[in-house]
Amino acid sequence: TGEGFGRVVPDEVTINIRVENTGENTKTLKEQNDATINEVLKFLKKMDIADKDVRTEYMNLSKNYDYNSKTYTFAANQSLSVKLHDLKKYEAVMKGLIDTGINRIDGINFSSSKEESLKSEARKKAVENAQMKAREYASVLNQSVGKAVSISEFNNSGDPRPMYKTAMMDSSAGGGEQTIALGEMEIKSTVNVSFLLN
């Protein structure tokens, strides 16, 4: 079994936002949510965020019963994800989104435009690591490693995770405030290689 790693500073971020309204009239709730989402979409167009980078994640309507007042209320939610390819826009986009009337931020996810090439490099390093280990084991047995007869890759659960460090990103909005820590993302590949022994 071999492992290979790659590290990179993220250059993209996905912001997950939500608008939620509660009340007794479902039609009014939908109108309130629609009005906010419309403002969000107009704002994102003004910020030159491409349509392909804005996606509705879910919409739901739930019914709640208040035992004290013996009445039903409803909660209407609509969630969007917004992907930024330019991290310099982060502060202005976050401020603008809040100004539109959204009332939930469900989190942000960092990513890298170089992720696929890093995965490829990590795979190559993992195979080299497996071969090195095989040679070490075989040398103890006074044998040598022959050709590989099978290679399989383990699926690493979860997405690449940012590994936070002290470096912070300066905000482009006044005062040079530091509002997000980019850290580094670690890409890992694990492979299992079977070799013939000579």
N, C-alpha and C. Protein backbone atom coordinates (compact mmCIF):
# COMPACT_ATOMS: atom_id res chain seq x y z
N THR A 1 0.84 -1.18 0.00
CA THR A 1 0.00 0.00 0.00
C THR A 1 0.88 1.24 0.00
N GLY A 2 0.59 2.14 -0.93
CA GLY A 2 1.37 3.37 -1.01
C GLY A 2 0.49 4.59 -0.86
N GLU A 3 1.09 5.66 -0.34
CA GLU A 3 0.35 6.91 -0.17
C GLU A 3 1.10 8.04 -0.85
N GLY A 4 0.33 8.96 -1.42
CA GLY A 4 0.91 10.14 -2.04
C GLY A 4 0.11 11.36 -1.65
N PHE A 5 0.80 12.49 -1.49
CA PHE A 5 0.15 13.71 -1.02
C PHE A 5 0.49 14.89 -1.92
N GLY A 6 -0.42 15.85 -1.95
CA GLY A 6 -0.18 17.12 -2.61
C GLY A 6 -0.81 18.21 -1.77
N ARG A 7 -0.20 19.38 -1.75
CA ARG A 7 -0.76 20.49 -0.98
C ARG A 7 -0.84 21.73 -1.84
N VAL A 8 -1.89 22.51 -1.61
CA VAL A 8 -2.08 23.73 -2.39
C VAL A 8 -2.89 24.72 -1.56
N VAL A 9 -2.64 26.01 -1.79
CA VAL A 9 -3.45 27.05 -1.17
C VAL A 9 -4.73 27.19 -2.00
N PRO A 10 -5.90 27.14 -1.39
CA PRO A 10 -7.15 27.24 -2.16
C PRO A 10 -7.22 28.55 -2.94
N ASP A 11 -7.85 28.49 -4.12
CA ASP A 11 -8.05 29.72 -4.90
C ASP A 11 -9.53 29.91 -5.27
N GLU A 12 -10.41 29.06 -4.70
CA GLU A 12 -11.85 29.17 -4.93
C GLU A 12 -12.58 28.94 -3.62
N VAL A 13 -13.79 29.47 -3.52
CA VAL A 13 -14.60 29.24 -2.33
C VAL A 13 -16.07 29.14 -2.74
N THR A 14 -16.81 28.23 -2.11
CA THR A 14 -18.25 28.12 -2.31
C THR A 14 -18.94 28.57 -1.04
N ILE A 15 -19.85 29.54 -1.18
CA ILE A 15 -20.59 30.09 -0.04
C ILE A 15 -22.00 29.50 -0.07
N ASN A 16 -22.43 28.92 1.03
CA ASN A 16 -23.77 28.33 1.13
C ASN A 16 -24.65 29.26 1.96
N ILE A 17 -25.67 29.83 1.32
CA ILE A 17 -26.53 30.80 1.99
C ILE A 17 -27.97 30.31 1.98
N ARG A 18 -28.78 30.92 2.89
CA ARG A 18 -30.17 30.49 2.97
C ARG A 18 -31.03 31.65 3.41
N VAL A 19 -32.26 31.67 2.91
CA VAL A 19 -33.26 32.61 3.43
C VAL A 19 -34.36 31.78 4.07
N GLU A 20 -34.76 32.20 5.28
CA GLU A 20 -35.78 31.48 6.00
C GLU A 20 -36.78 32.48 6.57
N ASN A 21 -38.06 32.21 6.35
CA ASN A 21 -39.12 33.04 6.92
C ASN A 21 -40.14 32.14 7.59
N THR A 22 -40.69 32.61 8.69
CA THR A 22 -41.71 31.84 9.41
C THR A 22 -42.98 32.66 9.57
N GLY A 23 -44.10 31.98 9.61
CA GLY A 23 -45.39 32.66 9.77
C GLY A 23 -46.53 31.68 9.60
N GLU A 24 -47.74 32.23 9.49
CA GLU A 24 -48.92 31.39 9.40
C GLU A 24 -49.46 31.25 7.99
N ASN A 25 -49.01 32.13 7.08
CA ASN A 25 -49.53 32.14 5.72
C ASN A 25 -48.44 31.68 4.74
N THR A 26 -48.64 30.50 4.15
CA THR A 26 -47.60 29.94 3.27
C THR A 26 -47.39 30.78 2.01
N LYS A 27 -48.46 31.38 1.50
CA LYS A 27 -48.33 32.22 0.31
C LYS A 27 -47.44 33.43 0.60
N THR A 28 -47.65 34.05 1.77
CA THR A 28 -46.83 35.20 2.15
C THR A 28 -45.37 34.80 2.34
N LEU A 29 -45.16 33.63 2.95
CA LEU A 29 -43.80 33.16 3.16
C LEU A 29 -43.07 32.94 1.85
N LYS A 30 -43.76 32.34 0.88
CA LYS A 30 -43.14 32.11 -0.43
C LYS A 30 -42.81 33.44 -1.08
N GLU A 31 -43.72 34.40 -1.00
CA GLU A 31 -43.47 35.72 -1.59
C GLU A 31 -42.27 36.40 -0.94
N GLN A 32 -42.16 36.27 0.39
CA GLN A 32 -41.01 36.87 1.09
C GLN A 32 -39.70 36.23 0.66
N ASN A 33 -39.68 34.88 0.60
CA ASN A 33 -38.47 34.18 0.16
C ASN A 33 -38.12 34.53 -1.28
N ASP A 34 -39.15 34.53 -2.15
CA ASP A 34 -38.91 34.83 -3.57
C ASP A 34 -38.32 36.22 -3.74
N ALA A 35 -38.82 37.18 -2.96
CA ALA A 35 -38.33 38.56 -3.07
C ALA A 35 -36.85 38.64 -2.69
N THR A 36 -36.47 37.94 -1.61
CA THR A 36 -35.07 37.96 -1.18
C THR A 36 -34.18 37.26 -2.19
N ILE A 37 -34.60 36.08 -2.65
CA ILE A 37 -33.79 35.35 -3.64
C ILE A 37 -33.64 36.16 -4.92
N ASN A 38 -34.68 36.87 -5.33
CA ASN A 38 -34.60 37.72 -6.51
C ASN A 38 -33.54 38.80 -6.31
N GLU A 39 -33.50 39.40 -5.11
CA GLU A 39 -32.48 40.42 -4.81
C GLU A 39 -31.08 39.81 -4.83
N VAL A 40 -30.96 38.59 -4.29
CA VAL A 40 -29.66 37.90 -4.29
C VAL A 40 -29.18 37.69 -5.72
N LEU A 41 -30.05 37.17 -6.58
CA LEU A 41 -29.66 36.88 -7.96
C LEU A 41 -29.30 38.14 -8.73
N LYS A 42 -30.04 39.22 -8.49
CA LYS A 42 -29.71 40.50 -9.14
C LYS A 42 -28.35 41.00 -8.68
N PHE A 43 -28.09 40.89 -7.37
CA PHE A 43 -26.81 41.33 -6.82
C PHE A 43 -25.65 40.52 -7.41
N LEU A 44 -25.82 39.19 -7.50
CA LEU A 44 -24.75 38.34 -8.02
C LEU A 44 -24.45 38.64 -9.49
N LYS A 45 -25.49 38.96 -10.26
CA LYS A 45 -25.27 39.36 -11.66
C LYS A 45 -24.45 40.65 -11.72
N LYS A 46 -24.78 41.59 -10.82
CA LYS A 46 -24.07 42.86 -10.76
C LYS A 46 -22.60 42.65 -10.40
N MET A 47 -22.32 41.59 -9.63
CA MET A 47 -20.94 41.27 -9.22
C MET A 47 -20.23 40.40 -10.26
N ASP A 48 -20.87 40.18 -11.42
CA ASP A 48 -20.30 39.37 -12.51
C ASP A 48 -20.04 37.92 -12.09
N ILE A 49 -20.93 37.37 -11.27
CA ILE A 49 -20.85 35.95 -10.93
C ILE A 49 -21.64 35.20 -12.00
N ALA A 50 -21.00 34.25 -12.68
CA ALA A 50 -21.63 33.53 -13.79
C ALA A 50 -22.80 32.67 -13.30
N ASP A 51 -23.81 32.53 -14.15
CA ASP A 51 -24.99 31.71 -13.81
C ASP A 51 -24.60 30.30 -13.39
N LYS A 52 -23.57 29.74 -14.04
CA LYS A 52 -23.17 28.36 -13.74
C LYS A 52 -22.59 28.22 -12.33
N ASP A 53 -22.24 29.34 -11.71
CA ASP A 53 -21.65 29.31 -10.36
C ASP A 53 -22.66 29.59 -9.26
N VAL A 54 -23.93 29.67 -9.62
CA VAL A 54 -25.00 29.90 -8.65
C VAL A 54 -26.01 28.77 -8.80
N ARG A 55 -26.29 28.08 -7.70
CA ARG A 55 -27.17 26.91 -7.79
C ARG A 55 -28.12 26.85 -6.60
N THR A 56 -29.40 26.57 -6.90
CA THR A 56 -30.36 26.31 -5.83
C THR A 56 -30.07 24.92 -5.27
N GLU A 57 -29.81 24.85 -3.97
CA GLU A 57 -29.49 23.57 -3.34
C GLU A 57 -30.75 22.87 -2.85
N TYR A 58 -31.65 23.61 -2.23
CA TYR A 58 -32.91 23.01 -1.81
C TYR A 58 -33.92 24.08 -1.46
N MET A 59 -35.19 23.68 -1.43
CA MET A 59 -36.29 24.50 -0.96
C MET A 59 -37.14 23.60 -0.08
N ASN A 60 -37.60 24.10 1.06
CA ASN A 60 -38.52 23.28 1.84
C ASN A 60 -39.49 24.14 2.64
N LEU A 61 -40.60 23.52 2.97
CA LEU A 61 -41.65 24.15 3.76
C LEU A 61 -42.01 23.15 4.86
N SER A 62 -41.90 23.60 6.12
CA SER A 62 -42.24 22.69 7.22
C SER A 62 -43.34 23.30 8.07
N LYS A 63 -44.12 22.40 8.70
CA LYS A 63 -45.26 22.81 9.51
C LYS A 63 -44.95 22.51 10.97
N ASN A 64 -45.16 23.51 11.83
CA ASN A 64 -44.86 23.35 13.25
C ASN A 64 -46.11 23.66 14.08
N TYR A 65 -46.29 22.88 15.12
CA TYR A 65 -47.46 23.07 16.00
C TYR A 65 -47.00 23.65 17.33
N ASP A 66 -47.60 24.77 17.73
CA ASP A 66 -47.33 25.41 19.01
C ASP A 66 -48.38 24.93 20.02
N TYR A 67 -47.94 24.12 20.98
CA TYR A 67 -48.88 23.54 21.95
C TYR A 67 -49.46 24.59 22.90
N ASN A 68 -48.72 25.68 23.11
CA ASN A 68 -49.23 26.72 24.02
C ASN A 68 -50.38 27.50 23.40
N SER A 69 -50.16 27.93 22.13
CA SER A 69 -51.22 28.73 21.48
C SER A 69 -52.19 27.86 20.68
N LYS A 70 -51.86 26.56 20.57
CA LYS A 70 -52.67 25.61 19.80
C LYS A 70 -52.86 26.06 18.35
N THR A 71 -51.77 26.59 17.75
CA THR A 71 -51.82 27.05 16.35
C THR A 71 -50.66 26.43 15.58
N TYR A 72 -50.84 26.42 14.28
CA TYR A 72 -49.78 25.94 13.39
C TYR A 72 -49.05 27.14 12.79
N THR A 73 -47.72 27.02 12.67
CA THR A 73 -46.92 28.00 11.92
C THR A 73 -46.11 27.22 10.90
N PHE A 74 -45.60 27.96 9.92
CA PHE A 74 -44.82 27.35 8.85
C PHE A 74 -43.45 28.02 8.76
N ALA A 75 -42.46 27.23 8.32
CA ALA A 75 -41.12 27.76 8.06
C ALA A 75 -40.77 27.42 6.62
N ALA A 76 -40.45 28.46 5.85
CA ALA A 76 -40.07 28.27 4.44
C ALA A 76 -38.59 28.59 4.29
N ASN A 77 -37.86 27.67 3.68
CA ASN A 77 -36.41 27.81 3.48
C ASN A 77 -36.06 27.68 2.01
N GLN A 78 -35.11 28.48 1.57
CA GLN A 78 -34.53 28.29 0.24
C GLN A 78 -33.03 28.51 0.35
N SER A 79 -32.26 27.58 -0.19
CA SER A 79 -30.81 27.62 -0.07
C SER A 79 -30.15 27.75 -1.44
N LEU A 80 -29.08 28.56 -1.50
CA LEU A 80 -28.29 28.73 -2.71
C LEU A 80 -26.82 28.50 -2.38
N SER A 81 -26.07 27.99 -3.35
CA SER A 81 -24.62 27.97 -3.23
C SER A 81 -24.04 28.90 -4.30
N VAL A 82 -23.01 29.63 -3.92
CA VAL A 82 -22.37 30.61 -4.81
C VAL A 82 -20.88 30.30 -4.83
N LYS A 83 -20.35 30.00 -6.02
CA LYS A 83 -18.92 29.69 -6.15
C LYS A 83 -18.17 30.90 -6.66
N LEU A 84 -17.12 31.28 -5.93
CA LEU A 84 -16.27 32.40 -6.35
C LEU A 84 -14.94 31.86 -6.83
N HIS A 85 -14.56 32.27 -8.06
CA HIS A 85 -13.26 31.88 -8.61
C HIS A 85 -12.21 32.94 -8.31
N ASP A 86 -12.64 34.09 -7.81
CA ASP A 86 -11.74 35.18 -7.46
C ASP A 86 -11.95 35.50 -5.98
N LEU A 87 -11.01 35.08 -5.14
CA LEU A 87 -11.17 35.27 -3.70
C LEU A 87 -11.12 36.74 -3.29
N LYS A 88 -10.64 37.62 -4.17
CA LYS A 88 -10.63 39.05 -3.84
C LYS A 88 -12.05 39.61 -3.76
N LYS A 89 -13.01 38.89 -4.35
CA LYS A 89 -14.41 39.34 -4.30
C LYS A 89 -15.13 38.89 -3.04
N TYR A 90 -14.48 38.04 -2.25
CA TYR A 90 -15.15 37.39 -1.12
C TYR A 90 -15.83 38.39 -0.19
N GLU A 91 -15.08 39.37 0.29
CA GLU A 91 -15.62 40.29 1.29
C GLU A 91 -16.81 41.08 0.74
N ALA A 92 -16.66 41.60 -0.49
CA ALA A 92 -17.74 42.40 -1.09
C ALA A 92 -18.98 41.54 -1.34
N VAL A 93 -18.78 40.29 -1.77
CA VAL A 93 -19.91 39.40 -2.02
C VAL A 93 -20.62 39.05 -0.71
N MET A 94 -19.85 38.73 0.33
CA MET A 94 -20.48 38.39 1.62
C MET A 94 -21.29 39.57 2.16
N LYS A 95 -20.71 40.76 2.10
CA LYS A 95 -21.43 41.94 2.60
C LYS A 95 -22.70 42.17 1.79
N GLY A 96 -22.58 42.06 0.46
CA GLY A 96 -23.73 42.28 -0.41
C GLY A 96 -24.83 41.26 -0.20
N LEU A 97 -24.45 40.00 0.03
CA LEU A 97 -25.44 38.95 0.27
C LEU A 97 -26.24 39.24 1.53
N ILE A 98 -25.55 39.66 2.57
CA ILE A 98 -26.25 39.98 3.83
C ILE A 98 -27.18 41.17 3.62
N ASP A 99 -26.73 42.14 2.84
CA ASP A 99 -27.56 43.33 2.57
C ASP A 99 -28.82 42.98 1.79
N THR A 100 -28.80 41.89 1.02
CA THR A 100 -29.99 41.52 0.23
C THR A 100 -31.11 40.98 1.11
N GLY A 101 -30.78 40.55 2.33
CA GLY A 101 -31.82 40.04 3.23
C GLY A 101 -31.71 38.58 3.58
N ILE A 102 -30.64 37.90 3.12
CA ILE A 102 -30.49 36.51 3.55
C ILE A 102 -30.30 36.49 5.06
N ASN A 103 -30.77 35.43 5.71
CA ASN A 103 -30.64 35.41 7.16
C ASN A 103 -29.96 34.15 7.70
N ARG A 104 -29.36 33.36 6.79
CA ARG A 104 -28.58 32.20 7.22
C ARG A 104 -27.36 32.06 6.30
N ILE A 105 -26.21 31.77 6.91
CA ILE A 105 -25.04 31.34 6.15
C ILE A 105 -24.71 29.96 6.67
N ASP A 106 -24.81 28.96 5.81
CA ASP A 106 -24.63 27.57 6.24
C ASP A 106 -23.19 27.09 6.15
N GLY A 107 -22.28 27.99 5.75
CA GLY A 107 -20.87 27.62 5.72
C GLY A 107 -20.22 27.93 4.39
N ILE A 108 -18.89 27.79 4.37
CA ILE A 108 -18.12 27.99 3.15
C ILE A 108 -17.21 26.78 2.95
N ASN A 109 -16.91 26.47 1.70
CA ASN A 109 -16.01 25.38 1.36
C ASN A 109 -14.93 25.88 0.42
N PHE A 110 -13.68 25.69 0.82
CA PHE A 110 -12.56 26.07 -0.04
C PHE A 110 -12.26 24.96 -1.03
N SER A 111 -11.77 25.35 -2.21
CA SER A 111 -11.37 24.37 -3.21
C SER A 111 -10.26 24.98 -4.06
N SER A 112 -9.74 24.18 -4.98
CA SER A 112 -8.65 24.64 -5.84
C SER A 112 -8.94 24.31 -7.29
N SER A 113 -8.62 25.24 -8.17
CA SER A 113 -8.78 25.00 -9.61
C SER A 113 -7.74 23.99 -10.10
N LYS A 114 -6.72 23.73 -9.28
CA LYS A 114 -5.65 22.79 -9.66
C LYS A 114 -5.88 21.39 -9.07
N GLU A 115 -7.06 21.14 -8.53
CA GLU A 115 -7.32 19.91 -7.79
C GLU A 115 -7.08 18.64 -8.62
N GLU A 116 -7.55 18.63 -9.87
CA GLU A 116 -7.40 17.42 -10.69
C GLU A 116 -5.94 17.10 -10.97
N SER A 117 -5.14 18.12 -11.29
CA SER A 117 -3.73 17.85 -11.56
C SER A 117 -3.01 17.41 -10.28
N LEU A 118 -3.42 17.95 -9.13
CA LEU A 118 -2.84 17.54 -7.86
C LEU A 118 -3.20 16.09 -7.53
N LYS A 119 -4.44 15.69 -7.83
CA LYS A 119 -4.85 14.31 -7.60
C LYS A 119 -3.99 13.36 -8.44
N SER A 120 -3.74 13.76 -9.69
CA SER A 120 -2.92 12.95 -10.59
C SER A 120 -1.51 12.78 -10.04
N GLU A 121 -0.92 13.89 -9.56
CA GLU A 121 0.43 13.83 -8.98
C GLU A 121 0.44 12.96 -7.72
N ALA A 122 -0.61 13.10 -6.89
CA ALA A 122 -0.67 12.30 -5.66
C ALA A 122 -0.75 10.81 -5.98
N ARG A 123 -1.47 10.44 -7.05
CA ARG A 123 -1.56 9.03 -7.46
C ARG A 123 -0.19 8.49 -7.85
N LYS A 124 0.55 9.29 -8.65
CA LYS A 124 1.88 8.85 -9.09
C LYS A 124 2.80 8.66 -7.89
N LYS A 125 2.74 9.61 -6.94
CA LYS A 125 3.57 9.49 -5.74
C LYS A 125 3.18 8.26 -4.92
N ALA A 126 1.88 7.93 -4.89
CA ALA A 126 1.41 6.77 -4.14
C ALA A 126 1.96 5.47 -4.74
N VAL A 127 1.97 5.39 -6.07
CA VAL A 127 2.50 4.18 -6.73
C VAL A 127 4.00 4.07 -6.48
N GLU A 128 4.72 5.21 -6.56
CA GLU A 128 6.17 5.19 -6.27
C GLU A 128 6.42 4.75 -4.83
N ASN A 129 5.57 5.21 -3.91
CA ASN A 129 5.70 4.85 -2.51
C ASN A 129 5.47 3.36 -2.30
N ALA A 130 4.47 2.81 -3.01
CA ALA A 130 4.19 1.37 -2.91
C ALA A 130 5.37 0.56 -3.44
N GLN A 131 5.96 1.00 -4.55
CA GLN A 131 7.09 0.29 -5.14
C GLN A 131 8.31 0.33 -4.20
N MET A 132 8.55 1.48 -3.57
CA MET A 132 9.66 1.61 -2.64
C MET A 132 9.50 0.64 -1.47
N LYS A 133 8.27 0.57 -0.93
CA LYS A 133 8.01 -0.34 0.19
C LYS A 133 8.22 -1.79 -0.24
N ALA A 134 7.73 -2.13 -1.44
CA ALA A 134 7.88 -3.51 -1.93
C ALA A 134 9.35 -3.88 -2.05
N ARG A 135 10.19 -2.95 -2.54
CA ARG A 135 11.63 -3.22 -2.68
C ARG A 135 12.28 -3.44 -1.31
N GLU A 136 11.84 -2.63 -0.32
CA GLU A 136 12.40 -2.79 1.03
C GLU A 136 12.07 -4.17 1.59
N TYR A 137 10.79 -4.58 1.45
CA TYR A 137 10.39 -5.89 1.97
C TYR A 137 11.13 -7.01 1.24
N ALA A 138 11.19 -6.91 -0.08
CA ALA A 138 11.79 -7.99 -0.88
C ALA A 138 13.29 -8.12 -0.60
N SER A 139 13.96 -6.98 -0.34
CA SER A 139 15.42 -7.04 -0.12
C SER A 139 15.75 -7.85 1.14
N VAL A 140 14.90 -7.80 2.14
CA VAL A 140 15.11 -8.58 3.36
C VAL A 140 15.05 -10.07 3.05
N LEU A 141 14.26 -10.44 2.04
CA LEU A 141 14.10 -11.84 1.63
C LEU A 141 15.11 -12.25 0.56
N ASN A 142 16.05 -11.35 0.24
CA ASN A 142 17.01 -11.58 -0.84
C ASN A 142 16.31 -11.86 -2.17
N GLN A 143 15.22 -11.13 -2.39
CA GLN A 143 14.50 -11.23 -3.66
C GLN A 143 14.42 -9.83 -4.27
N SER A 144 13.92 -9.79 -5.50
CA SER A 144 13.72 -8.50 -6.15
C SER A 144 12.27 -8.39 -6.60
N VAL A 145 11.85 -7.16 -6.79
CA VAL A 145 10.47 -6.91 -7.18
C VAL A 145 10.34 -7.00 -8.70
N GLY A 146 9.38 -7.83 -9.13
CA GLY A 146 9.12 -7.96 -10.56
C GLY A 146 8.04 -6.99 -11.02
N LYS A 147 7.36 -7.37 -12.09
CA LYS A 147 6.34 -6.46 -12.63
C LYS A 147 5.10 -6.42 -11.74
N ALA A 148 4.39 -5.31 -11.84
CA ALA A 148 3.13 -5.16 -11.10
C ALA A 148 2.05 -5.95 -11.83
N VAL A 149 1.22 -6.67 -11.07
CA VAL A 149 0.15 -7.46 -11.69
C VAL A 149 -1.24 -6.88 -11.41
N SER A 150 -1.34 -5.99 -10.41
CA SER A 150 -2.62 -5.31 -10.19
C SER A 150 -2.39 -4.01 -9.42
N ILE A 151 -3.23 -3.03 -9.72
CA ILE A 151 -3.20 -1.75 -9.02
C ILE A 151 -4.64 -1.35 -8.75
N SER A 152 -4.91 -0.97 -7.49
CA SER A 152 -6.25 -0.47 -7.17
C SER A 152 -6.09 0.76 -6.27
N GLU A 153 -7.03 1.67 -6.40
CA GLU A 153 -6.99 2.90 -5.62
C GLU A 153 -8.09 2.88 -4.58
N PHE A 154 -7.74 3.26 -3.37
CA PHE A 154 -8.74 3.37 -2.30
C PHE A 154 -9.46 4.70 -2.45
N ASN A 155 -10.75 4.66 -2.26
CA ASN A 155 -11.51 5.92 -2.25
C ASN A 155 -11.33 6.57 -0.90
N ASN A 156 -10.71 7.74 -0.90
CA ASN A 156 -10.56 8.47 0.36
C ASN A 156 -11.86 9.18 0.65
N SER A 157 -12.42 8.93 1.83
CA SER A 157 -13.72 9.52 2.15
C SER A 157 -13.57 11.01 2.37
N GLY A 158 -14.58 11.75 1.91
CA GLY A 158 -14.61 13.20 2.14
C GLY A 158 -13.82 13.96 1.10
N ASP A 159 -14.04 15.25 1.08
CA ASP A 159 -13.35 16.14 0.16
C ASP A 159 -12.01 16.55 0.74
N PRO A 160 -11.13 17.09 -0.11
CA PRO A 160 -9.88 17.62 0.43
C PRO A 160 -10.19 18.67 1.50
N ARG A 161 -9.46 18.59 2.61
CA ARG A 161 -9.75 19.51 3.72
C ARG A 161 -8.69 20.59 3.79
N PRO A 162 -9.11 21.84 4.01
CA PRO A 162 -8.11 22.87 4.25
C PRO A 162 -7.40 22.58 5.58
N MET A 163 -6.08 22.74 5.59
CA MET A 163 -5.32 22.61 6.81
C MET A 163 -4.93 24.02 7.21
N TYR A 164 -5.57 24.57 8.22
CA TYR A 164 -5.40 25.98 8.52
C TYR A 164 -4.03 26.28 9.10
N LYS A 165 -3.49 27.39 8.67
CA LYS A 165 -2.23 27.88 9.22
C LYS A 165 -2.43 29.35 9.56
N THR A 166 -1.39 30.03 9.96
CA THR A 166 -1.59 31.38 10.47
C THR A 166 -1.77 32.42 9.37
N ALA A 167 -1.39 32.11 8.14
CA ALA A 167 -1.53 33.09 7.06
C ALA A 167 -2.99 33.41 6.82
N MET A 168 -3.31 34.68 6.76
CA MET A 168 -4.68 35.13 6.55
C MET A 168 -4.76 35.88 5.24
N MET A 169 -5.99 35.96 4.69
CA MET A 169 -6.19 36.72 3.47
C MET A 169 -6.62 38.13 3.82
N ASP A 170 -5.93 39.12 3.25
CA ASP A 170 -6.33 40.51 3.49
C ASP A 170 -7.60 40.80 2.73
N SER A 171 -8.51 41.47 3.40
CA SER A 171 -9.75 41.89 2.74
C SER A 171 -9.47 43.04 1.82
N SER A 172 -10.09 43.04 0.65
CA SER A 172 -9.92 44.16 -0.27
C SER A 172 -10.78 45.34 0.15
N ALA A 173 -11.76 45.08 1.04
CA ALA A 173 -12.60 46.16 1.53
C ALA A 173 -11.89 46.83 2.68
N GLY A 174 -11.92 48.14 2.72
CA GLY A 174 -11.20 49.03 3.63
C GLY A 174 -10.53 48.46 4.86
N GLY A 175 -9.44 49.07 5.21
CA GLY A 175 -8.77 48.79 6.47
C GLY A 175 -7.91 47.55 6.49
N GLY A 176 -7.80 46.82 5.40
CA GLY A 176 -6.97 45.62 5.38
C GLY A 176 -7.37 44.60 6.43
N GLU A 177 -8.67 44.49 6.70
CA GLU A 177 -9.14 43.54 7.71
C GLU A 177 -8.88 42.12 7.24
N GLN A 178 -8.57 41.22 8.19
CA GLN A 178 -8.35 39.82 7.87
C GLN A 178 -9.59 39.04 8.29
N THR A 179 -10.27 38.47 7.30
CA THR A 179 -11.55 37.85 7.61
C THR A 179 -11.62 36.36 7.32
N ILE A 180 -10.72 35.82 6.50
CA ILE A 180 -10.70 34.37 6.27
C ILE A 180 -9.26 33.87 6.28
N ALA A 181 -9.10 32.65 6.77
CA ALA A 181 -7.80 31.98 6.77
C ALA A 181 -7.84 30.94 5.66
N LEU A 182 -6.98 31.09 4.66
CA LEU A 182 -7.00 30.16 3.53
C LEU A 182 -6.35 28.83 3.85
N GLY A 183 -5.24 28.86 4.59
CA GLY A 183 -4.56 27.62 4.90
C GLY A 183 -4.12 26.87 3.65
N GLU A 184 -3.93 25.58 3.77
CA GLU A 184 -3.56 24.73 2.65
C GLU A 184 -4.52 23.55 2.59
N MET A 185 -4.82 23.11 1.37
CA MET A 185 -5.60 21.89 1.18
C MET A 185 -4.64 20.74 0.98
N GLU A 186 -4.96 19.61 1.56
CA GLU A 186 -4.15 18.41 1.36
C GLU A 186 -4.93 17.43 0.49
N ILE A 187 -4.30 17.00 -0.60
CA ILE A 187 -4.88 15.99 -1.49
C ILE A 187 -4.12 14.69 -1.22
N LYS A 188 -4.85 13.62 -0.94
CA LYS A 188 -4.21 12.35 -0.61
C LYS A 188 -4.70 11.25 -1.54
N SER A 189 -3.77 10.39 -1.96
CA SER A 189 -4.14 9.22 -2.75
C SER A 189 -3.53 7.99 -2.09
N THR A 190 -4.31 6.91 -2.01
CA THR A 190 -3.84 5.64 -1.45
C THR A 190 -4.07 4.54 -2.48
N VAL A 191 -3.01 3.79 -2.80
CA VAL A 191 -3.13 2.72 -3.80
C VAL A 191 -2.62 1.41 -3.21
N ASN A 192 -3.14 0.33 -3.73
CA ASN A 192 -2.65 -1.00 -3.39
C ASN A 192 -2.11 -1.64 -4.66
N VAL A 193 -0.83 -2.03 -4.63
CA VAL A 193 -0.18 -2.60 -5.81
C VAL A 193 0.33 -4.01 -5.46
N SER A 194 0.00 -4.99 -6.30
CA SER A 194 0.54 -6.35 -6.14
C SER A 194 1.66 -6.57 -7.15
N PHE A 195 2.83 -6.97 -6.65
CA PHE A 195 3.99 -7.21 -7.52
C PHE A 195 4.35 -8.70 -7.52
N LEU A 196 4.93 -9.16 -8.61
CA LEU A 196 5.56 -10.47 -8.63
C LEU A 196 6.91 -10.35 -7.97
N LEU A 197 7.33 -11.39 -7.26
CA LEU A 197 8.67 -11.40 -6.66
C LEU A 197 9.58 -12.31 -7.48
N ASN A 198 10.80 -11.87 -7.70
CA ASN A 198 11.79 -12.67 -8.43
C ASN A 198 12.76 -13.26 -7.42
